[in-house]
Amino acid sequence: MTVADLAGTAAFYRNLLGLEVGPEQALDPAWNCLLGLKEGTVVRAADVAIGQQVIKLVAFDPPGLEYPSERASNDQWFQHVALVSGDITSLWERLTGGSPGVITKGSPVRLPANTGGVTAFKFRDPEGHPLELIFFPRGVGDPQWQGKTASGIVGYDHTAIATMDVGRSVAFYTELLGFKVGARSLNTGVEQDRLDGLRDCQLDVVALEPASRVTPHVELLHYRRPPGRTSTSEVRANDVASARQIHNVDDLDALVGRLETEGVTFVSPGMATLKDGRKAATIRDPDGHMIVLME
């Protein structure tokens, strides 16, 4: 995730969310090519450990645009990370006193069984990035999360992205990138309205699983209503609203060739080679969300 204030945002994840944040690091200059930025852009980063997963906070010099001041859960550029906790209430109480922005109206929301049965709460970090706290009861979701009682955050379950055309996005992720549809629901009702901070919600939620595991995965969020704002220009990697998915792939050369044939938009000029010898390429999905494909 792109940030403007690396130290300040890292402090939020460490002090308010109780997560372990690693030391500041300089990123390989090859990431400039990979992310479509000018040569010489200075890239600094810090890793936020979330159980066995990591979110990398990345700051660029020169910086890009701040997160848009008008913001909602159905914006085309919306992308959240779902953080799993066994005691969502205590975390919510802590956040209501210190979070710079909440999305959910009121306390954590228990969704109906037909739309997941989880308890969740959405909020924002100091830069504007949306996040979700989520609790999975027994029998719901990945077994590793079910019935957790730990008071802190134990991992992250998925990243959820807004899409303007769910059929188009499902085809992109399944037919071109090899994901499979794990679950699908149509979410409506007062609980969903309160969770998203919107009125009269009706949205398709599609869980896309990678070939080798269930978690973490990608969720598509398509709001049939209310319709969200669409991007008037592409979000660049150094803009604060930018968050990249990073996926390991088995045969990058073959995949890049197939994506080029299909006319997929590339951020990187083909493949870039990192210092450790691995190759990578960066593309955009149909809604402009950035995806790094890593060898």
Protein backbone atom coordinates (compact mmCIF):
# COMPACT_ATOMS: atom_id res chain seq x y z
CA MET A 1 0.00 0.00 0.00
CA THR A 2 1.30 3.46 -0.91
CA VAL A 3 1.63 5.93 1.96
CA ALA A 4 2.78 9.53 2.21
CA ASP A 5 3.95 9.39 5.85
CA LEU A 6 5.76 6.08 6.29
CA ALA A 7 6.71 6.55 9.95
CA GLY A 8 3.31 7.92 10.99
CA THR A 9 1.31 5.22 9.23
CA ALA A 10 3.60 2.48 10.55
CA ALA A 11 2.98 3.83 14.07
CA PHE A 12 -0.80 3.46 13.53
CA TYR A 13 -0.46 -0.20 12.58
CA ARG A 14 1.93 -0.85 15.46
CA ASN A 15 0.38 1.20 18.28
CA LEU A 16 -3.34 1.10 17.53
CA LEU A 17 -3.68 -2.27 15.80
CA GLY A 18 -0.97 -4.01 17.81
CA LEU A 19 0.88 -5.35 14.76
CA GLU A 20 4.62 -5.90 14.40
CA VAL A 21 6.26 -3.40 12.04
CA GLY A 22 9.74 -4.06 10.69
CA PRO A 23 12.50 -1.50 10.15
CA GLU A 24 12.45 0.94 7.26
CA GLN A 25 14.09 -0.48 4.14
CA ALA A 26 15.10 0.80 0.72
CA LEU A 27 13.45 -1.07 -2.13
CA ASP A 28 15.23 -2.39 -5.20
CA PRO A 29 15.32 0.43 -7.85
CA ALA A 30 13.93 -2.11 -10.32
CA TRP A 31 10.54 -1.53 -8.66
CA ASN A 32 10.41 1.86 -10.42
CA CYS A 33 10.32 0.09 -13.76
CA LEU A 34 7.93 -2.52 -12.42
CA LEU A 35 5.47 0.11 -11.16
CA GLY A 36 5.72 2.45 -14.13
CA LEU A 37 7.57 5.22 -12.27
CA LYS A 38 10.45 7.42 -13.40
CA GLU A 39 13.98 6.17 -12.95
CA GLY A 40 15.50 7.70 -9.82
CA THR A 41 12.28 7.67 -7.78
CA VAL A 42 13.28 6.88 -4.19
CA VAL A 43 11.28 4.02 -2.70
CA ARG A 44 11.19 3.31 1.06
CA ALA A 45 9.15 0.61 2.73
CA ALA A 46 8.26 -1.11 6.00
CA ASP A 47 6.70 -4.55 6.47
CA VAL A 48 3.65 -5.00 8.69
CA ALA A 49 3.47 -8.62 9.90
CA ILE A 50 -0.09 -9.96 10.17
CA GLY A 51 0.20 -13.56 11.34
CA GLN A 52 1.87 -15.41 8.46
CA GLN A 53 1.05 -12.62 5.98
CA VAL A 54 2.68 -9.26 5.31
CA ILE A 55 1.43 -5.87 4.15
CA LYS A 56 4.19 -3.68 2.79
CA LEU A 57 3.78 0.06 3.36
CA VAL A 58 5.62 1.92 0.58
CA ALA A 59 6.53 5.62 0.31
CA PHE A 60 7.77 7.31 -2.87
CA ASP A 61 9.83 10.43 -3.45
CA PRO A 62 8.56 12.33 -5.35
CA PRO A 63 5.10 11.47 -3.98
CA GLY A 64 1.86 11.25 -5.92
CA LEU A 65 -1.67 12.37 -5.08
CA GLU A 66 -3.26 12.09 -1.64
CA TYR A 67 -6.18 9.72 -1.09
CA PRO A 68 -9.34 11.39 -2.54
CA SER A 69 -11.20 13.46 0.04
CA GLU A 70 -14.54 12.10 -1.21
CA ARG A 71 -14.44 8.41 -0.39
CA ALA A 72 -16.92 5.54 -0.13
CA SER A 73 -17.04 1.75 -0.15
CA ASN A 74 -18.35 1.63 -3.72
CA ASP A 75 -15.64 3.82 -5.32
CA GLN A 76 -13.93 2.14 -8.29
CA TRP A 77 -10.51 2.49 -6.59
CA PHE A 78 -11.74 1.00 -3.28
CA GLN A 79 -9.58 -1.86 -1.97
CA HIS A 80 -9.61 -3.11 1.60
CA VAL A 81 -7.71 -5.75 3.56
CA ALA A 82 -9.72 -7.96 5.93
CA LEU A 83 -7.92 -8.39 9.26
CA VAL A 84 -9.02 -11.39 11.33
CA SER A 85 -9.52 -11.07 15.08
CA GLY A 86 -11.03 -13.26 17.77
CA ASP A 87 -12.11 -10.29 19.89
CA ILE A 88 -13.43 -7.75 17.43
CA THR A 89 -15.30 -5.76 20.08
CA SER A 90 -12.23 -4.72 22.07
CA LEU A 91 -10.41 -3.71 18.88
CA TRP A 92 -13.43 -1.71 17.74
CA GLU A 93 -13.57 0.09 21.08
CA ARG A 94 -9.91 0.99 20.73
CA LEU A 95 -10.40 2.22 17.16
CA THR A 96 -13.42 4.38 17.90
CA GLY A 97 -11.14 6.49 20.04
CA GLY A 98 -8.18 6.64 17.70
CA SER A 99 -9.06 5.73 14.11
CA PRO A 100 -8.87 8.69 11.73
CA GLY A 101 -11.93 7.50 9.84
CA VAL A 102 -14.70 4.95 10.28
CA ILE A 103 -16.85 3.49 7.51
CA THR A 104 -19.25 1.28 9.45
CA LYS A 105 -22.06 3.07 11.25
CA GLY A 106 -22.00 2.10 14.90
CA SER A 107 -20.64 -1.11 16.41
CA PRO A 108 -19.42 -4.25 14.54
CA VAL A 109 -22.11 -5.79 12.33
CA ARG A 110 -23.21 -9.45 12.37
CA LEU A 111 -24.13 -10.29 8.78
CA PRO A 112 -27.01 -12.71 8.05
CA ALA A 113 -26.09 -16.39 7.58
CA ASN A 114 -26.97 -16.31 3.88
CA THR A 115 -24.30 -13.64 3.30
CA GLY A 116 -21.56 -15.15 5.42
CA GLY A 117 -22.57 -14.95 9.07
CA VAL A 118 -19.37 -13.10 9.99
CA THR A 119 -19.06 -10.10 12.29
CA ALA A 120 -17.24 -7.16 10.70
CA PHE A 121 -16.35 -3.50 11.03
CA LYS A 122 -14.78 -1.21 8.40
CA PHE A 123 -12.53 1.77 9.07
CA ARG A 124 -9.59 3.68 7.54
CA ASP A 125 -5.93 4.12 8.38
CA PRO A 126 -4.41 7.63 8.61
CA GLU A 127 -3.74 7.73 4.86
CA GLY A 128 -7.33 6.84 3.93
CA HIS A 129 -6.85 3.15 3.07
CA PRO A 130 -9.95 1.13 3.98
CA LEU A 131 -9.50 -1.82 6.33
CA GLU A 132 -11.90 -4.39 7.73
CA LEU A 133 -11.90 -6.18 11.06
CA ILE A 134 -13.59 -9.55 10.72
CA PHE A 135 -14.54 -12.44 13.03
CA PHE A 136 -15.41 -15.92 11.71
CA PRO A 137 -17.70 -18.14 13.82
CA ARG A 138 -17.27 -21.90 13.74
CA GLY A 139 -18.27 -23.43 10.42
CA VAL A 140 -17.73 -20.23 8.45
CA GLY A 141 -14.74 -19.39 6.26
CA ASP A 142 -11.26 -20.87 6.30
CA PRO A 143 -10.95 -23.37 9.21
CA GLN A 144 -7.79 -21.64 10.43
CA TRP A 145 -9.86 -18.59 11.47
CA GLN A 146 -12.91 -20.30 12.97
CA GLY A 147 -13.62 -19.78 16.63
CA LYS A 148 -10.46 -17.74 17.29
CA THR A 149 -10.50 -16.09 20.71
CA ALA A 150 -7.24 -14.12 20.58
CA SER A 151 -7.73 -10.45 21.43
CA GLY A 152 -5.36 -9.23 18.70
CA ILE A 153 -5.22 -9.56 14.92
CA VAL A 154 -4.17 -13.07 13.88
CA GLY A 155 -3.94 -12.77 10.10
CA TYR A 156 -5.58 -11.40 7.01
CA ASP A 157 -8.21 -13.31 5.09
CA HIS A 158 -8.57 -11.43 1.82
CA THR A 159 -8.25 -8.20 -0.07
CA ALA A 160 -11.52 -6.89 -1.52
CA ILE A 161 -11.68 -4.70 -4.61
CA ALA A 162 -14.52 -2.73 -6.15
CA THR A 163 -15.53 -3.69 -9.68
CA MET A 164 -17.89 -1.97 -12.06
CA ASP A 165 -18.74 -5.10 -14.11
CA VAL A 166 -18.63 -8.32 -12.09
CA GLY A 167 -18.93 -10.65 -15.08
CA ARG A 168 -16.01 -8.96 -16.82
CA SER A 169 -13.86 -9.15 -13.70
CA VAL A 170 -14.69 -12.79 -12.94
CA ALA A 171 -13.69 -13.69 -16.51
CA PHE A 172 -10.42 -11.75 -16.19
CA TYR A 173 -9.35 -13.39 -12.94
CA THR A 174 -10.49 -16.92 -13.76
CA GLU A 175 -9.82 -17.24 -17.49
CA LEU A 176 -6.59 -15.21 -17.67
CA LEU A 177 -5.04 -15.51 -14.20
CA GLY A 178 -6.26 -18.96 -13.18
CA PHE A 179 -8.29 -18.13 -10.08
CA LYS A 180 -11.37 -20.17 -9.23
CA VAL A 181 -14.67 -18.93 -7.81
CA GLY A 182 -14.85 -20.11 -4.20
CA ALA A 183 -18.13 -18.52 -3.10
CA ARG A 184 -20.67 -16.02 -4.33
CA SER A 185 -23.48 -14.07 -2.66
CA LEU A 186 -25.84 -11.15 -3.21
CA ASN A 187 -25.70 -8.97 -0.09
CA THR A 188 -28.57 -6.65 0.84
CA GLY A 189 -30.31 -5.35 3.94
CA VAL A 190 -29.76 -3.03 6.86
CA GLU A 191 -26.72 -4.96 8.09
CA GLN A 192 -24.86 -4.46 4.81
CA ASP A 193 -25.91 -0.80 4.69
CA ARG A 194 -24.49 -0.22 8.14
CA LEU A 195 -21.29 -2.14 7.43
CA ASP A 196 -20.56 -0.15 4.26
CA GLY A 197 -21.83 3.22 5.48
CA LEU A 198 -24.20 3.38 2.48
CA ARG A 199 -27.95 3.30 1.85
CA ASP A 200 -29.99 0.61 0.11
CA CYS A 201 -26.99 -1.58 -0.71
CA GLN A 202 -27.26 -4.42 -3.17
CA LEU A 203 -23.91 -5.93 -4.05
CA ASP A 204 -22.43 -9.04 -5.55
CA VAL A 205 -19.58 -10.53 -3.49
CA VAL A 206 -17.40 -13.05 -5.30
CA ALA A 207 -14.52 -14.85 -3.56
CA LEU A 208 -11.70 -15.76 -5.94
CA GLU A 209 -9.23 -18.37 -4.73
CA PRO A 210 -5.74 -18.93 -6.11
CA ALA A 211 -4.88 -22.40 -7.39
CA SER A 212 -2.92 -23.60 -4.38
CA ARG A 213 -4.78 -22.31 -1.31
CA VAL A 214 -7.91 -20.64 0.05
CA THR A 215 -6.36 -17.84 2.12
CA PRO A 216 -5.49 -15.12 1.52
CA HIS A 217 -7.72 -14.60 -1.51
CA VAL A 218 -9.31 -11.85 -3.57
CA GLU A 219 -12.91 -10.67 -3.24
CA LEU A 220 -14.78 -8.78 -5.91
CA LEU A 221 -17.35 -6.22 -4.71
CA HIS A 222 -19.86 -5.10 -7.33
CA TYR A 223 -22.42 -2.57 -6.12
CA ARG A 224 -25.59 -2.87 -8.17
CA ARG A 225 -26.76 -0.01 -6.01
CA PRO A 226 -25.88 2.59 -5.05
CA PRO A 227 -23.54 3.04 -8.02
CA GLY A 228 -20.04 4.14 -7.10
CA ARG A 229 -17.80 6.88 -8.44
CA THR A 230 -15.63 5.82 -11.36
CA SER A 231 -12.02 6.87 -11.89
CA THR A 232 -11.46 9.74 -14.30
CA SER A 233 -7.77 8.79 -14.56
CA GLU A 234 -5.64 5.80 -13.62
CA VAL A 235 -4.34 5.64 -10.07
CA ARG A 236 -0.53 5.63 -10.25
CA ALA A 237 1.66 3.54 -7.98
CA ASN A 238 2.87 6.58 -6.02
CA ASP A 239 -0.69 7.86 -5.44
CA VAL A 240 -1.86 7.07 -1.90
CA ALA A 241 -5.01 5.35 -3.19
CA SER A 242 -2.83 2.71 -4.86
CA ALA A 243 -2.70 -0.77 -3.34
CA ARG A 244 -1.15 -3.63 -5.29
CA GLN A 245 -1.95 -7.31 -5.20
CA ILE A 246 1.21 -9.43 -5.46
CA HIS A 247 0.80 -12.99 -6.73
CA ASN A 248 3.35 -15.73 -7.25
CA VAL A 249 3.03 -17.48 -10.62
CA ASP A 250 4.51 -20.74 -11.91
CA ASP A 251 5.40 -19.77 -15.48
CA LEU A 252 5.68 -16.00 -15.80
CA ASP A 253 6.97 -16.01 -19.39
CA ALA A 254 4.01 -17.99 -20.63
CA LEU A 255 1.52 -15.93 -18.62
CA VAL A 256 2.93 -12.61 -19.83
CA GLY A 257 2.78 -13.82 -23.42
CA ARG A 258 -0.85 -14.84 -23.01
CA LEU A 259 -1.78 -11.53 -21.34
CA GLU A 260 -0.08 -9.54 -24.11
CA THR A 261 -2.02 -11.53 -26.72
CA GLU A 262 -5.27 -10.75 -24.89
CA GLY A 263 -4.49 -7.01 -24.86
CA VAL A 264 -4.22 -6.70 -21.07
CA THR A 265 -2.87 -3.32 -19.90
CA PHE A 266 0.72 -3.51 -18.63
CA VAL A 267 2.14 -1.03 -16.12
CA SER A 268 5.66 -2.38 -16.56
CA PRO A 269 7.21 -2.55 -20.05
CA GLY A 270 6.93 -6.32 -20.20
CA MET A 271 8.96 -8.03 -17.47
CA ALA A 272 11.47 -6.47 -15.08
CA THR A 273 14.30 -8.29 -13.31
CA LEU A 274 14.85 -7.69 -9.60
CA LYS A 275 18.22 -7.76 -7.82
CA ASP A 276 17.60 -11.29 -6.55
CA GLY A 277 17.23 -12.50 -10.14
CA ARG A 278 13.47 -13.00 -10.07
CA LYS A 279 11.38 -11.63 -12.90
CA ALA A 280 8.11 -9.81 -12.40
CA ALA A 281 5.50 -7.93 -14.41
CA THR A 282 2.75 -5.51 -13.41
CA ILE A 283 -0.67 -5.32 -15.05
CA ARG A 284 -4.04 -3.68 -14.45
CA ASP A 285 -7.31 -5.52 -14.11
CA PRO A 286 -10.41 -4.21 -15.97
CA ASP A 287 -11.08 -1.62 -13.22
CA GLY A 288 -7.51 -0.35 -13.07
CA HIS A 289 -6.44 -2.23 -9.93
CA MET A 290 -2.70 -2.97 -10.08
CA ILE A 291 -1.44 -6.58 -9.92
CA VAL A 292 2.22 -7.61 -9.61
CA LEU A 293 2.92 -11.07 -11.01
CA MET A 294 6.06 -12.47 -9.37
CA GLU A 295 8.16 -15.37 -10.62
